Amino acid sequence: MNHDNDKEYVLSVLARNNPGVLLRIAGLFSRRCYNILSIVAAQTENTEYSRILIVVSGDDRIVRQVDKQVSKLVDIKEVTVLNREEAVVREHLLLKVERNLQNSEKLVEIANVFHAGILNVQPDSMIMELTGDANTINSFIELYNPYHVLKILRTGAMAMMK
């Protein structure tokens, strides 16, 4: 159910660190057939709370509903729908690519252009690390695709109000 006017929204949920809180949030989404594009749970400066960042696709009406329903759940302190213009939004990527003597220099060159870290070099593979916005991460992956990407691990969006 992807409509033309669907946008991506980042919900920032402050939740008490109690067992089952993530499961309750995920359950709410699946029961209502809302699609979670990514979900990241991170500890906050206060160890009693976690910040859960959920990227959803939909229209304003759906996001308002999700906001209201998540707010009602047990252990939820606050829900904020972040405006991308007013927030710093980042993803983290680990990418493993096939390496050989012919392509090794080119792989390093691409990493340098993006200021990506090279974490591991094996005779037949290389692992890179990159943090950036979704467009940067997508471009990075696209440039490595011709060299045979072996594995990708991507966090999904982490976001903080400016």
C-alpha atoms as a PDB file:
ATOM      1  CA  MET A   1       0.000   0.000   0.000  1.00  0.00           C
ATOM      2  CA  ASN A   2       2.513   2.636  -1.130  1.00  0.00           C
ATOM      3  CA  HIS A   3       0.795   5.833  -2.195  1.00  0.00           C
ATOM      4  CA  ASP A   4       2.330   8.700  -4.156  1.00  0.00           C
ATOM      5  CA  ASN A   5       1.951  11.089  -1.228  1.00  0.00           C
ATOM      6  CA  ASP A   6       3.658   8.702   1.209  1.00  0.00           C
ATOM      7  CA  LYS A   7       6.685  10.165   2.936  1.00  0.00           C
ATOM      8  CA  GLU A   8       9.228   8.761   5.342  1.00  0.00           C
ATOM      9  CA  TYR A   9       8.856   9.847   8.951  1.00  0.00           C
ATOM     10  CA  VAL A  10      11.234   9.355  11.858  1.00  0.00           C
ATOM     11  CA  LEU A  11       9.514   8.675  15.182  1.00  0.00           C
ATOM     12  CA  SER A  12      11.699   9.222  18.210  1.00  0.00           C
ATOM     13  CA  VAL A  13      10.325   7.244  21.156  1.00  0.00           C
ATOM     14  CA  LEU A  14      11.618   7.653  24.694  1.00  0.00           C
ATOM     15  CA  ALA A  15      10.865   4.414  26.547  1.00  0.00           C
ATOM     16  CA  ARG A  16      11.554   3.109  30.030  1.00  0.00           C
ATOM     17  CA  ASN A  17      14.116   0.264  29.953  1.00  0.00           C
ATOM     18  CA  ASN A  18      11.691  -2.505  30.884  1.00  0.00           C
ATOM     19  CA  PRO A  19      11.491  -5.982  29.334  1.00  0.00           C
ATOM     20  CA  GLY A  20       9.080  -6.283  26.414  1.00  0.00           C
ATOM     21  CA  VAL A  21       8.816  -2.591  25.514  1.00  0.00           C
ATOM     22  CA  LEU A  22      10.327  -3.089  22.035  1.00  0.00           C
ATOM     23  CA  LEU A  23       8.093  -6.103  21.457  1.00  0.00           C
ATOM     24  CA  ARG A  24       4.975  -4.075  22.361  1.00  0.00           C
ATOM     25  CA  ILE A  25       5.946  -1.319  19.919  1.00  0.00           C
ATOM     26  CA  ALA A  26       6.647  -3.808  17.092  1.00  0.00           C
ATOM     27  CA  GLY A  27       3.375  -5.617  17.888  1.00  0.00           C
ATOM     28  CA  LEU A  28       1.394  -2.394  17.580  1.00  0.00           C
ATOM     29  CA  PHE A  29       2.858  -1.802  14.116  1.00  0.00           C
ATOM     30  CA  SER A  30       2.258  -5.344  12.848  1.00  0.00           C
ATOM     31  CA  ARG A  31      -1.337  -5.488  14.179  1.00  0.00           C
ATOM     32  CA  ARG A  32      -2.182  -2.333  12.254  1.00  0.00           C
ATOM     33  CA  CYS A  33      -0.192  -3.364   9.152  1.00  0.00           C
ATOM     34  CA  TYR A  34       2.079  -0.325   9.380  1.00  0.00           C
ATOM     35  CA  ASN A  35       5.420  -0.988   7.759  1.00  0.00           C
ATOM     36  CA  ILE A  36       8.588  -0.251   9.741  1.00  0.00           C
ATOM     37  CA  LEU A  37      11.399   0.658   7.330  1.00  0.00           C
ATOM     38  CA  SER A  38      14.004   0.623  10.099  1.00  0.00           C
ATOM     39  CA  ILE A  39      14.180   0.531  13.870  1.00  0.00           C
ATOM     40  CA  VAL A  40      17.135   1.402  16.082  1.00  0.00           C
ATOM     41  CA  ALA A  41      17.146   1.174  19.880  1.00  0.00           C
ATOM     42  CA  ALA A  42      19.885   3.067  21.697  1.00  0.00           C
ATOM     43  CA  GLN A  43      20.726   3.794  25.303  1.00  0.00           C
ATOM     44  CA  THR A  44      20.328   7.424  26.374  1.00  0.00           C
ATOM     45  CA  GLU A  45      22.292   9.572  28.808  1.00  0.00           C
ATOM     46  CA  ASN A  46      19.827   8.295  31.438  1.00  0.00           C
ATOM     47  CA  THR A  47      20.247   4.512  31.902  1.00  0.00           C
ATOM     48  CA  GLU A  48      16.564   4.162  32.900  1.00  0.00           C
ATOM     49  CA  TYR A  49      15.515   5.058  29.329  1.00  0.00           C
ATOM     50  CA  SER A  50      16.183   4.004  25.761  1.00  0.00           C
ATOM     51  CA  ARG A  51      15.572   6.028  22.654  1.00  0.00           C
ATOM     52  CA  ILE A  52      13.899   4.006  19.904  1.00  0.00           C
ATOM     53  CA  LEU A  53      14.062   5.510  16.413  1.00  0.00           C
ATOM     54  CA  ILE A  54      11.508   4.137  13.988  1.00  0.00           C
ATOM     55  CA  VAL A  55      11.374   5.078  10.313  1.00  0.00           C
ATOM     56  CA  VAL A  56       7.906   4.573   8.838  1.00  0.00           C
ATOM     57  CA  SER A  57       6.387   5.294   5.458  1.00  0.00           C
ATOM     58  CA  GLY A  58       2.943   6.811   5.152  1.00  0.00           C
ATOM     59  CA  ASP A  59       0.928   9.995   5.068  1.00  0.00           C
ATOM     60  CA  ASP A  60       0.366  12.570   7.820  1.00  0.00           C
ATOM     61  CA  ARG A  61      -2.828  10.864   9.004  1.00  0.00           C
ATOM     62  CA  ILE A  62      -1.138   7.488   9.507  1.00  0.00           C
ATOM     63  CA  VAL A  63       1.795   9.055  11.327  1.00  0.00           C
ATOM     64  CA  ARG A  64      -0.512  10.974  13.676  1.00  0.00           C
ATOM     65  CA  GLN A  65      -2.331   7.674  14.461  1.00  0.00           C
ATOM     66  CA  VAL A  66       0.944   5.840  15.085  1.00  0.00           C
ATOM     67  CA  ASP A  67       2.153   8.686  17.322  1.00  0.00           C
ATOM     68  CA  LYS A  68      -1.065   8.549  19.418  1.00  0.00           C
ATOM     69  CA  GLN A  69      -1.115   4.754  19.697  1.00  0.00           C
ATOM     70  CA  VAL A  70       2.572   4.391  20.616  1.00  0.00           C
ATOM     71  CA  SER A  71       2.161   7.150  23.230  1.00  0.00           C
ATOM     72  CA  LYS A  72      -0.550   5.072  24.974  1.00  0.00           C
ATOM     73  CA  LEU A  73       1.698   2.015  25.416  1.00  0.00           C
ATOM     74  CA  VAL A  74       3.060   1.094  28.850  1.00  0.00           C
ATOM     75  CA  ASP A  75       6.584   2.431  29.565  1.00  0.00           C
ATOM     76  CA  ILE A  76       6.477   5.103  26.815  1.00  0.00           C
ATOM     77  CA  LYS A  77       7.487   8.511  28.155  1.00  0.00           C
ATOM     78  CA  GLU A  78       7.252  10.538  24.926  1.00  0.00           C
ATOM     79  CA  VAL A  79       6.923  10.202  21.164  1.00  0.00           C
ATOM     80  CA  THR A  80       8.221  12.862  18.804  1.00  0.00           C
ATOM     81  CA  VAL A  81       7.797  12.900  15.037  1.00  0.00           C
ATOM     82  CA  LEU A  82      11.081  14.402  13.872  1.00  0.00           C
ATOM     83  CA  ASN A  83      11.146  16.857  11.019  1.00  0.00           C
ATOM     84  CA  ARG A  84      14.174  15.870   8.884  1.00  0.00           C
ATOM     85  CA  GLU A  85      15.065  19.548   8.345  1.00  0.00           C
ATOM     86  CA  GLU A  86      15.287  20.092  12.101  1.00  0.00           C
ATOM     87  CA  ALA A  87      17.203  16.912  12.918  1.00  0.00           C
ATOM     88  CA  VAL A  88      20.561  15.312  12.292  1.00  0.00           C
ATOM     89  CA  VAL A  89      19.811  11.916  10.686  1.00  0.00           C
ATOM     90  CA  ARG A  90      22.577   9.315  10.264  1.00  0.00           C
ATOM     91  CA  GLU A  91      22.964   5.646   9.366  1.00  0.00           C
ATOM     92  CA  HIS A  92      25.930   3.346   9.882  1.00  0.00           C
ATOM     93  CA  LEU A  93      27.071   0.792   7.307  1.00  0.00           C
ATOM     94  CA  LEU A  94      29.479  -2.140   7.236  1.00  0.00           C
ATOM     95  CA  LEU A  95      30.156  -3.399   3.711  1.00  0.00           C
ATOM     96  CA  LYS A  96      32.224  -6.423   2.681  1.00  0.00           C
ATOM     97  CA  VAL A  97      33.337  -6.516  -0.941  1.00  0.00           C
ATOM     98  CA  GLU A  98      35.259  -9.038  -3.043  1.00  0.00           C
ATOM     99  CA  ARG A  99      38.899  -7.989  -3.454  1.00  0.00           C
ATOM    100  CA  ASN A 100      41.662  -9.021  -5.846  1.00  0.00           C
ATOM    101  CA  LEU A 101      44.942  -7.538  -7.081  1.00  0.00           C
ATOM    102  CA  GLN A 102      43.206  -5.868 -10.046  1.00  0.00           C
ATOM    103  CA  ASN A 103      40.511  -4.014  -8.092  1.00  0.00           C
ATOM    104  CA  SER A 104      42.233  -3.361  -4.745  1.00  0.00           C
ATOM    105  CA  GLU A 105      43.367   0.186  -5.566  1.00  0.00           C
ATOM    106  CA  LYS A 106      39.938   1.143  -6.916  1.00  0.00           C
ATOM    107  CA  LEU A 107      38.207  -0.158  -3.750  1.00  0.00           C
ATOM    108  CA  VAL A 108      40.473   2.009  -1.576  1.00  0.00           C
ATOM    109  CA  GLU A 109      39.919   4.989  -3.881  1.00  0.00           C
ATOM    110  CA  ILE A 110      36.111   4.789  -3.479  1.00  0.00           C
ATOM    111  CA  ALA A 111      36.471   4.499   0.314  1.00  0.00           C
ATOM    112  CA  ASN A 112      38.706   7.600   0.370  1.00  0.00           C
ATOM    113  CA  VAL A 113      36.229   9.673  -1.659  1.00  0.00           C
ATOM    114  CA  PHE A 114      33.559   8.965   0.983  1.00  0.00           C
ATOM    115  CA  HIS A 115      35.991   9.230   3.936  1.00  0.00           C
ATOM    116  CA  ALA A 116      34.989   5.673   4.794  1.00  0.00           C
ATOM    117  CA  GLY A 117      37.058   3.570   7.165  1.00  0.00           C
ATOM    118  CA  ILE A 118      38.766   0.417   5.932  1.00  0.00           C
ATOM    119  CA  LEU A 119      38.372  -1.988   8.847  1.00  0.00           C
ATOM    120  CA  ASN A 120      39.766  -5.220   7.436  1.00  0.00           C
ATOM    121  CA  VAL A 121      41.723  -6.335   4.374  1.00  0.00           C
ATOM    122  CA  GLN A 122      41.985 -10.003   3.413  1.00  0.00           C
ATOM    123  CA  PRO A 123      43.519 -11.431   0.217  1.00  0.00           C
ATOM    124  CA  ASP A 124      40.009 -11.953  -1.229  1.00  0.00           C
ATOM    125  CA  SER A 125      37.869  -9.331   0.567  1.00  0.00           C
ATOM    126  CA  MET A 126      37.761  -5.926   2.220  1.00  0.00           C
ATOM    127  CA  ILE A 127      35.423  -4.519   4.910  1.00  0.00           C
ATOM    128  CA  MET A 128      34.506  -0.822   4.890  1.00  0.00           C
ATOM    129  CA  GLU A 129      32.643   1.325   7.405  1.00  0.00           C
ATOM    130  CA  LEU A 130      30.663   4.466   6.619  1.00  0.00           C
ATOM    131  CA  THR A 131      28.394   6.813   8.545  1.00  0.00           C
ATOM    132  CA  GLY A 132      26.172   9.253   6.676  1.00  0.00           C
ATOM    133  CA  ASP A 133      22.681  10.083   5.522  1.00  0.00           C
ATOM    134  CA  ALA A 134      20.645   7.564   3.528  1.00  0.00           C
ATOM    135  CA  ASN A 135      21.598   9.079   0.136  1.00  0.00           C
ATOM    136  CA  THR A 136      25.324   8.902   0.901  1.00  0.00           C
ATOM    137  CA  ILE A 137      25.038   5.292   2.084  1.00  0.00           C
ATOM    138  CA  ASN A 138      23.028   4.337  -1.028  1.00  0.00           C
ATOM    139  CA  SER A 139      25.566   5.971  -3.375  1.00  0.00           C
ATOM    140  CA  PHE A 140      28.429   4.227  -1.579  1.00  0.00           C
ATOM    141  CA  ILE A 141      26.773   0.807  -1.971  1.00  0.00           C
ATOM    142  CA  GLU A 142      25.986   1.519  -5.629  1.00  0.00           C
ATOM    143  CA  LEU A 143      29.640   2.275  -6.422  1.00  0.00           C
ATOM    144  CA  TYR A 144      30.757  -1.014  -4.858  1.00  0.00           C
ATOM    145  CA  ASN A 145      28.061  -3.151  -6.539  1.00  0.00           C
ATOM    146  CA  PRO A 146      30.112  -3.754  -9.741  1.00  0.00           C
ATOM    147  CA  TYR A 147      32.916  -5.247  -7.572  1.00  0.00           C
ATOM    148  CA  HIS A 148      30.614  -7.886  -6.050  1.00  0.00           C
ATOM    149  CA  VAL A 149      29.365  -6.904  -2.611  1.00  0.00           C
ATOM    150  CA  LEU A 150      29.502  -9.976  -0.347  1.00  0.00           C
ATOM    151  CA  LYS A 151      27.695  -8.643   2.730  1.00  0.00           C
ATOM    152  CA  ILE A 152      25.953  -5.498   3.956  1.00  0.00           C
ATOM    153  CA  LEU A 153      24.979  -4.565   7.519  1.00  0.00           C
ATOM    154  CA  ARG A 154      23.107  -1.285   7.872  1.00  0.00           C
ATOM    155  CA  THR A 155      21.747   0.224  11.068  1.00  0.00           C
ATOM    156  CA  GLY A 156      18.799   2.248   9.860  1.00  0.00           C
ATOM    157  CA  ALA A 157      18.300   5.852  10.884  1.00  0.00           C
ATOM    158  CA  MET A 158      19.505   7.361  14.124  1.00  0.00           C
ATOM    159  CA  ALA A 159      18.302  10.913  14.613  1.00  0.00           C
ATOM    160  CA  MET A 160      18.624  13.792  17.038  1.00  0.00           C
ATOM    161  CA  MET A 161      16.980  17.216  17.069  1.00  0.00           C
ATOM    162  CA  LYS A 162      19.389  20.059  16.262  1.00  0.00           C
END
